[in-house]
Amino acid sequence: MNEGNHSGAVKSAMSATLGGQNAAEPDDYTVRSRFYPPPADFDGCFTTFYRLILDVKGSGTVVDYLQPEWANLRYFSGGDLKAELGSTRVEAPPFGATGPSSRPCRFELGTSQVWGIGILPIGWARFMDVDAYDRINIVSNGATDPVFAKFDCMTDVLCNPEIDEEEQYETIVTNMRALMRPNRDEAKILRVHKALVDETLASVAELADASGMSVRTLERVCRRYFGFTPKLLMRRQRFMRSLTTFMLHEGQRGGQRWTESMDEHYHDQAQFTREFHEFMTMNPSEYASLDHPILSAFVEARARVWGSAAQTLDKPAR
């Protein structure tokens, strides 16, 4: 793997080569990712701006599963994305959007250049006009989705591989600044988000106390800006801590067992297995047996370069 800087706007870059699946055989593809830090006036709004480059030999494709995450905007050049999340699916949208998720998004992709924008709860508050709950576990064509269509103004630039990365990055910044507006609940959202990523908290009551609000107010804030109930959000955090620990150590020292990756708040392996199936719709052993051509490279790169292996583990920036 290689690390490097890409001019002043790019924080760092990392590349990885892994084995493939489906039409792409092992060693037939490469995955490279670059992470751009959003400017300071966007603090708390985004996980990151990133650019992912997937090269697959011939006309092959790879299949992978996005883990539960916050809302995302993704712009594709090439590759003809096919994606399924819950009961929704899309095929070949230049601009794809997902709401906050507690289920995996299965996708298939060929040689592509992808821009991704992860939207944190404060970002949802500043950019969206509907409750996050109304868009959970949905993948859509962003251009025709009434909630996300406002971001289609960036599609022509971000989906054009002939345009310089710096110009594409500036397009994101310029358009997001034009669309952003303050929200009166930002202080509450920030307190909840900080408490949510606190690994020591084990109950909704503790989360409410740490957030400085009643359980009823916490439930309202979570539904409006986070998408899920406080209890499910805490369960998702616990699950994602376990899953990313496994992915970061898989293949090292002979591989890591699930029992070594389980978060300390799980009572036993049976509980972890039940929750794994709920969040990923498969058992841990089934997930471990699959190739993860994009996610394995991306999670490791994100952890090394960005300091957090997954969106849900990102701490609010302020």
Protein backbone atom coordinates (compact mmCIF):
# COMPACT_ATOMS: atom_id res chain seq x y z
CA MET A 1 0.00 0.00 0.00
CA ASN A 2 1.09 3.54 -0.72
CA GLU A 3 0.33 6.75 1.08
CA GLY A 4 0.69 10.22 -0.34
CA ASN A 5 -0.64 13.76 -0.57
CA HIS A 6 -2.61 15.22 -3.45
CA SER A 7 -2.03 18.99 -3.45
CA GLY A 8 -3.19 21.17 -0.59
CA ALA A 9 -6.84 20.11 -0.49
CA VAL A 10 -6.28 16.38 -0.04
CA LYS A 11 -5.49 15.11 3.41
CA SER A 12 -3.91 11.86 2.23
CA ALA A 13 -4.34 8.97 -0.16
CA MET A 14 -4.06 5.23 0.14
CA SER A 15 -4.24 2.41 -2.41
CA ALA A 16 -4.86 -1.29 -2.02
CA THR A 17 -4.95 -4.36 -4.24
CA LEU A 18 -7.06 -7.33 -3.16
CA GLY A 19 -8.59 -10.44 -4.68
CA GLY A 20 -11.86 -10.24 -6.59
CA GLN A 21 -15.11 -12.14 -7.04
CA ASN A 22 -17.77 -12.70 -9.69
CA ALA A 23 -16.46 -11.80 -13.15
CA ALA A 24 -13.28 -10.39 -11.65
CA GLU A 25 -10.80 -13.07 -10.58
CA PRO A 26 -8.25 -12.65 -7.74
CA ASP A 27 -5.69 -9.94 -8.45
CA ASP A 28 -7.83 -8.63 -11.30
CA TYR A 29 -8.72 -5.31 -9.73
CA THR A 30 -7.30 -2.44 -7.71
CA VAL A 31 -8.98 -0.07 -5.28
CA ARG A 32 -7.59 3.37 -4.49
CA SER A 33 -9.16 5.94 -2.20
CA ARG A 34 -8.43 9.57 -1.39
CA PHE A 35 -9.95 11.46 1.52
CA TYR A 36 -10.58 15.19 1.37
CA PRO A 37 -11.13 17.16 4.58
CA PRO A 38 -14.19 19.41 4.34
CA PRO A 39 -13.41 23.09 5.09
CA ALA A 40 -13.86 24.28 8.67
CA ASP A 41 -17.21 25.97 8.02
CA PHE A 42 -18.64 22.48 7.42
CA ASP A 43 -17.48 21.14 10.81
CA GLY A 44 -19.89 18.48 11.99
CA CYS A 45 -21.74 18.26 8.65
CA PHE A 46 -19.84 15.55 6.78
CA THR A 47 -17.90 12.40 7.51
CA THR A 48 -15.54 13.18 4.61
CA PHE A 49 -15.44 13.91 0.92
CA TYR A 50 -13.69 10.98 -0.75
CA ARG A 51 -12.78 9.82 -4.20
CA LEU A 52 -12.56 6.09 -4.91
CA ILE A 53 -11.03 4.63 -8.06
CA LEU A 54 -11.86 1.03 -8.95
CA ASP A 55 -10.00 -0.62 -11.84
CA VAL A 56 -11.27 -4.04 -12.94
CA LYS A 57 -9.68 -5.99 -15.78
CA GLY A 58 -11.78 -6.33 -18.89
CA SER A 59 -15.51 -5.98 -18.39
CA GLY A 60 -15.52 -7.61 -14.96
CA THR A 61 -17.39 -6.42 -11.89
CA VAL A 62 -17.02 -6.81 -8.14
CA VAL A 63 -19.73 -7.32 -5.52
CA ASP A 64 -19.61 -6.03 -1.96
CA TYR A 65 -21.83 -4.95 0.92
CA LEU A 66 -21.88 -1.47 2.41
CA GLN A 67 -22.22 -1.59 6.17
CA PRO A 68 -24.82 0.39 8.13
CA GLU A 69 -23.89 4.07 7.85
CA TRP A 70 -25.13 7.65 7.75
CA ALA A 71 -26.74 9.19 4.67
CA ASN A 72 -24.54 9.35 1.57
CA LEU A 73 -24.35 10.95 -1.84
CA ARG A 74 -22.28 9.06 -4.44
CA TYR A 75 -21.44 10.14 -8.00
CA PHE A 76 -20.31 7.50 -10.49
CA SER A 77 -18.29 7.74 -13.67
CA GLY A 78 -18.41 4.34 -15.42
CA GLY A 79 -19.12 1.00 -13.83
CA ASP A 80 -22.94 0.98 -14.11
CA LEU A 81 -23.74 0.60 -10.42
CA LYS A 82 -26.37 -1.90 -9.32
CA ALA A 83 -27.41 -1.55 -5.68
CA GLU A 84 -30.02 -2.94 -3.28
CA LEU A 85 -30.88 -1.71 0.19
CA GLY A 86 -33.89 -3.09 2.00
CA SER A 87 -36.75 -3.21 -0.50
CA THR A 88 -35.24 -0.53 -2.77
CA ARG A 89 -32.86 -0.89 -5.70
CA VAL A 90 -31.23 1.20 -8.40
CA GLU A 91 -29.37 0.44 -11.60
CA ALA A 92 -26.82 2.66 -13.33
CA PRO A 93 -27.63 6.03 -11.74
CA PRO A 94 -24.84 8.60 -12.24
CA PHE A 95 -25.89 10.02 -8.86
CA GLY A 96 -26.99 7.56 -6.17
CA ALA A 97 -28.21 8.49 -2.70
CA THR A 98 -28.83 6.54 0.50
CA GLY A 99 -30.47 7.55 3.74
CA PRO A 100 -29.21 6.49 7.17
CA SER A 101 -29.07 2.71 7.25
CA SER A 102 -29.29 -0.19 9.67
CA ARG A 103 -29.07 -2.78 6.90
CA PRO A 104 -26.38 -3.64 4.34
CA CYS A 105 -26.43 -2.19 0.85
CA ARG A 106 -25.42 -4.86 -1.66
CA PHE A 107 -23.80 -3.41 -4.75
CA GLU A 108 -22.11 -4.50 -7.96
CA LEU A 109 -19.67 -2.24 -9.79
CA GLY A 110 -17.17 -2.33 -12.63
CA THR A 111 -14.28 0.01 -13.43
CA SER A 112 -15.34 3.34 -11.96
CA GLN A 113 -14.41 6.65 -10.46
CA VAL A 114 -16.63 7.53 -7.52
CA TRP A 115 -17.08 10.67 -5.44
CA GLY A 116 -18.64 10.06 -2.04
CA ILE A 117 -20.08 12.53 0.48
CA GLY A 118 -21.13 11.21 3.89
CA ILE A 119 -23.71 13.33 5.69
CA LEU A 120 -23.61 13.43 9.49
CA PRO A 121 -26.68 14.31 11.62
CA ILE A 122 -25.80 18.02 11.78
CA GLY A 123 -25.37 17.90 8.01
CA TRP A 124 -28.85 16.39 7.74
CA ALA A 125 -30.16 19.26 9.86
CA ARG A 126 -28.50 21.88 7.64
CA PHE A 127 -29.32 20.39 4.25
CA MET A 128 -32.49 18.28 4.50
CA ASP A 129 -36.13 19.28 4.86
CA VAL A 130 -37.55 15.94 6.03
CA ASP A 131 -37.04 13.71 9.05
CA ALA A 132 -34.10 11.35 8.64
CA TYR A 133 -36.48 8.61 9.75
CA ASP A 134 -38.43 9.06 6.52
CA ARG A 135 -35.36 8.04 4.44
CA ILE A 136 -33.89 5.15 6.43
CA ASN A 137 -32.71 2.03 4.58
CA ILE A 138 -33.37 3.51 1.14
CA VAL A 139 -31.13 3.66 -1.94
CA SER A 140 -32.35 5.84 -4.78
CA ASN A 141 -31.52 7.65 -7.98
CA GLY A 142 -30.60 10.98 -6.43
CA ALA A 143 -31.61 12.96 -9.51
CA THR A 144 -35.25 11.84 -9.25
CA ASP A 145 -35.52 11.55 -5.46
CA PRO A 146 -37.34 14.67 -4.18
CA VAL A 147 -35.25 14.70 -0.99
CA PHE A 148 -31.85 14.44 -2.67
CA ALA A 149 -32.50 16.06 -6.07
CA LYS A 150 -31.05 19.38 -4.87
CA PHE A 151 -27.59 17.77 -5.01
CA ASP A 152 -27.95 16.76 -8.66
CA CYS A 153 -26.43 20.14 -9.54
CA MET A 154 -23.00 18.54 -9.02
CA THR A 155 -23.54 15.46 -11.18
CA ASP A 156 -22.19 16.78 -14.48
CA VAL A 157 -18.89 17.83 -12.91
CA LEU A 158 -18.36 14.95 -10.45
CA CYS A 159 -19.23 12.29 -13.04
CA ASN A 160 -16.88 13.68 -15.69
CA PRO A 161 -13.49 11.90 -15.45
CA GLU A 162 -11.93 14.52 -17.70
CA ILE A 163 -12.36 17.23 -15.07
CA ASP A 164 -9.49 17.77 -12.63
CA GLU A 165 -9.95 16.46 -9.08
CA GLU A 166 -9.30 19.89 -7.60
CA GLU A 167 -12.06 21.41 -9.70
CA GLN A 168 -14.41 18.61 -8.67
CA TYR A 169 -13.54 19.13 -5.01
CA GLU A 170 -14.18 22.88 -5.32
CA THR A 171 -17.51 22.10 -6.98
CA ILE A 172 -18.56 20.17 -3.88
CA VAL A 173 -17.45 22.94 -1.56
CA THR A 174 -19.09 25.73 -3.57
CA ASN A 175 -22.43 23.98 -3.97
CA MET A 176 -22.61 22.79 -0.39
CA ARG A 177 -21.96 26.31 0.86
CA ALA A 178 -24.78 27.59 -1.31
CA LEU A 179 -27.21 24.94 -0.03
CA MET A 180 -26.32 25.03 3.68
CA ARG A 181 -28.40 26.88 6.25
CA PRO A 182 -28.24 26.86 10.06
CA ASN A 183 -30.57 24.83 12.25
CA ARG A 184 -31.72 25.77 15.75
CA ASP A 185 -31.24 22.21 17.05
CA GLU A 186 -27.52 22.01 16.25
CA ALA A 187 -26.37 22.20 19.89
CA LYS A 188 -28.70 19.33 20.83
CA ILE A 189 -27.60 17.26 17.83
CA LEU A 190 -23.95 17.78 18.73
CA ARG A 191 -24.47 16.69 22.33
CA VAL A 192 -26.31 13.54 21.23
CA HIS A 193 -23.66 12.69 18.63
CA LYS A 194 -20.81 13.11 21.12
CA ALA A 195 -22.61 10.88 23.60
CA LEU A 196 -23.41 8.29 20.94
CA VAL A 197 -19.74 7.67 20.11
CA ASP A 198 -18.87 7.32 23.80
CA GLU A 199 -18.08 3.61 24.12
CA THR A 200 -18.70 3.59 27.88
CA LEU A 201 -22.41 4.34 27.64
CA ALA A 202 -24.60 1.24 27.79
CA SER A 203 -28.23 2.40 28.08
CA VAL A 204 -30.63 4.93 26.62
CA ALA A 205 -30.94 6.56 30.04
CA GLU A 206 -27.17 7.07 30.15
CA LEU A 207 -27.24 8.45 26.61
CA ALA A 208 -29.97 10.92 27.57
CA ASP A 209 -28.09 12.05 30.69
CA ALA A 210 -24.87 12.53 28.72
CA SER A 211 -26.83 14.50 26.11
CA GLY A 212 -28.36 16.75 28.75
CA MET A 213 -31.98 16.04 27.82
CA SER A 214 -34.94 13.87 28.70
CA VAL A 215 -35.44 10.50 27.04
CA ARG A 216 -38.47 11.89 25.23
CA THR A 217 -36.50 14.81 23.79
CA LEU A 218 -33.67 12.45 22.88
CA GLU A 219 -36.11 10.26 20.94
CA ARG A 220 -37.42 13.28 19.01
CA VAL A 221 -33.92 14.53 18.12
CA CYS A 222 -32.79 11.06 17.06
CA ARG A 223 -35.80 10.47 14.82
CA ARG A 224 -35.51 13.88 13.18
CA TYR A 225 -31.77 14.01 12.53
CA PHE A 226 -30.26 10.54 13.14
CA GLY A 227 -32.99 8.40 11.61
CA PHE A 228 -33.41 5.76 14.30
CA THR A 229 -34.45 5.35 17.92
CA PRO A 230 -31.76 5.94 20.55
CA LYS A 231 -31.76 2.23 21.41
CA LEU A 232 -31.17 1.13 17.83
CA LEU A 233 -28.47 3.78 17.34
CA MET A 234 -26.59 2.46 20.38
CA ARG A 235 -26.94 -1.10 19.12
CA ARG A 236 -25.65 -0.03 15.70
CA GLN A 237 -22.62 1.63 17.33
CA ARG A 238 -21.84 -1.51 19.31
CA PHE A 239 -22.19 -3.67 16.21
CA MET A 240 -20.03 -1.41 14.03
CA ARG A 241 -17.26 -1.30 16.64
CA SER A 242 -17.21 -5.10 16.53
CA LEU A 243 -17.39 -5.41 12.75
CA THR A 244 -14.64 -2.89 12.02
CA THR A 245 -12.37 -4.47 14.64
CA PHE A 246 -12.78 -7.79 12.86
CA MET A 247 -12.16 -6.30 9.40
CA LEU A 248 -9.06 -4.39 10.52
CA HIS A 249 -7.47 -7.52 12.01
CA GLU A 250 -8.71 -10.19 9.60
CA GLY A 251 -5.75 -11.83 7.89
CA GLN A 252 -3.28 -10.65 10.51
CA ARG A 253 -1.69 -13.10 12.92
CA GLY A 254 -3.63 -15.89 11.28
CA GLY A 255 -6.90 -13.97 11.32
CA GLN A 256 -9.13 -12.69 14.09
CA ARG A 257 -12.04 -14.63 15.49
CA TRP A 258 -15.40 -12.97 16.06
CA THR A 259 -15.13 -13.63 19.79
CA GLU A 260 -12.00 -11.48 19.85
CA SER A 261 -13.75 -8.67 17.97
CA MET A 262 -17.00 -8.53 19.95
CA ASP A 263 -17.69 -5.30 21.79
CA GLU A 264 -17.57 -5.63 25.57
CA HIS A 265 -21.22 -4.60 25.89
CA TYR A 266 -22.40 -7.86 24.26
CA HIS A 267 -23.57 -10.39 26.85
CA ASP A 268 -22.46 -13.41 24.82
CA GLN A 269 -21.74 -14.63 21.32
CA ALA A 270 -25.35 -15.67 20.76
CA GLN A 271 -26.50 -12.08 21.24
CA PHE A 272 -23.79 -10.84 18.88
CA THR A 273 -24.81 -13.40 16.24
CA ARG A 274 -28.46 -12.34 16.45
CA GLU A 275 -27.57 -8.69 16.06
CA PHE A 276 -25.12 -9.43 13.26
CA HIS A 277 -27.91 -11.10 11.32
CA GLU A 278 -30.23 -8.17 11.98
CA PHE A 279 -27.73 -5.56 10.76
CA MET A 280 -26.13 -7.50 7.89
CA THR A 281 -28.91 -10.02 7.05
CA MET A 282 -26.41 -12.88 7.29
CA ASN A 283 -24.48 -14.76 9.95
CA PRO A 284 -20.93 -13.76 10.94
CA SER A 285 -19.49 -16.90 9.34
CA GLU A 286 -21.31 -16.18 6.08
CA TYR A 287 -19.96 -12.63 6.04
CA ALA A 288 -16.42 -13.77 6.80
CA SER A 289 -16.52 -16.27 3.92
CA LEU A 290 -17.26 -13.56 1.36
CA ASP A 291 -14.71 -11.47 -0.48
CA HIS A 292 -14.96 -7.77 0.31
CA PRO A 293 -13.02 -6.28 -2.59
CA ILE A 294 -13.88 -2.65 -1.92
CA LEU A 295 -14.81 -2.51 1.77
CA SER A 296 -11.71 -4.32 3.04
CA ALA A 297 -9.42 -1.87 1.27
CA PHE A 298 -11.57 1.13 2.10
CA VAL A 299 -11.96 0.35 5.82
CA GLU A 300 -8.24 -0.10 6.28
CA ALA A 301 -7.40 3.02 4.30
CA ARG A 302 -9.99 5.04 6.17
CA ALA A 303 -8.69 3.91 9.55
CA ARG A 304 -5.06 4.71 8.72
CA VAL A 305 -5.62 7.95 6.88
CA TRP A 306 -8.77 9.36 8.46
CA GLY A 307 -8.45 7.89 11.95
CA SER A 308 -11.83 6.14 11.89
CA ALA A 309 -12.69 2.89 10.13
CA ALA A 310 -16.37 3.66 9.46
CA GLN A 311 -18.73 6.62 9.20
CA THR A 312 -20.73 5.62 12.25
CA LEU A 313 -17.57 5.74 14.38
CA ASP A 314 -16.63 9.27 13.30
CA LYS A 315 -16.73 11.79 16.13
CA PRO A 316 -18.34 15.18 15.54
CA ALA A 317 -15.66 17.68 14.57
CA ARG A 318 -16.43 20.23 17.25
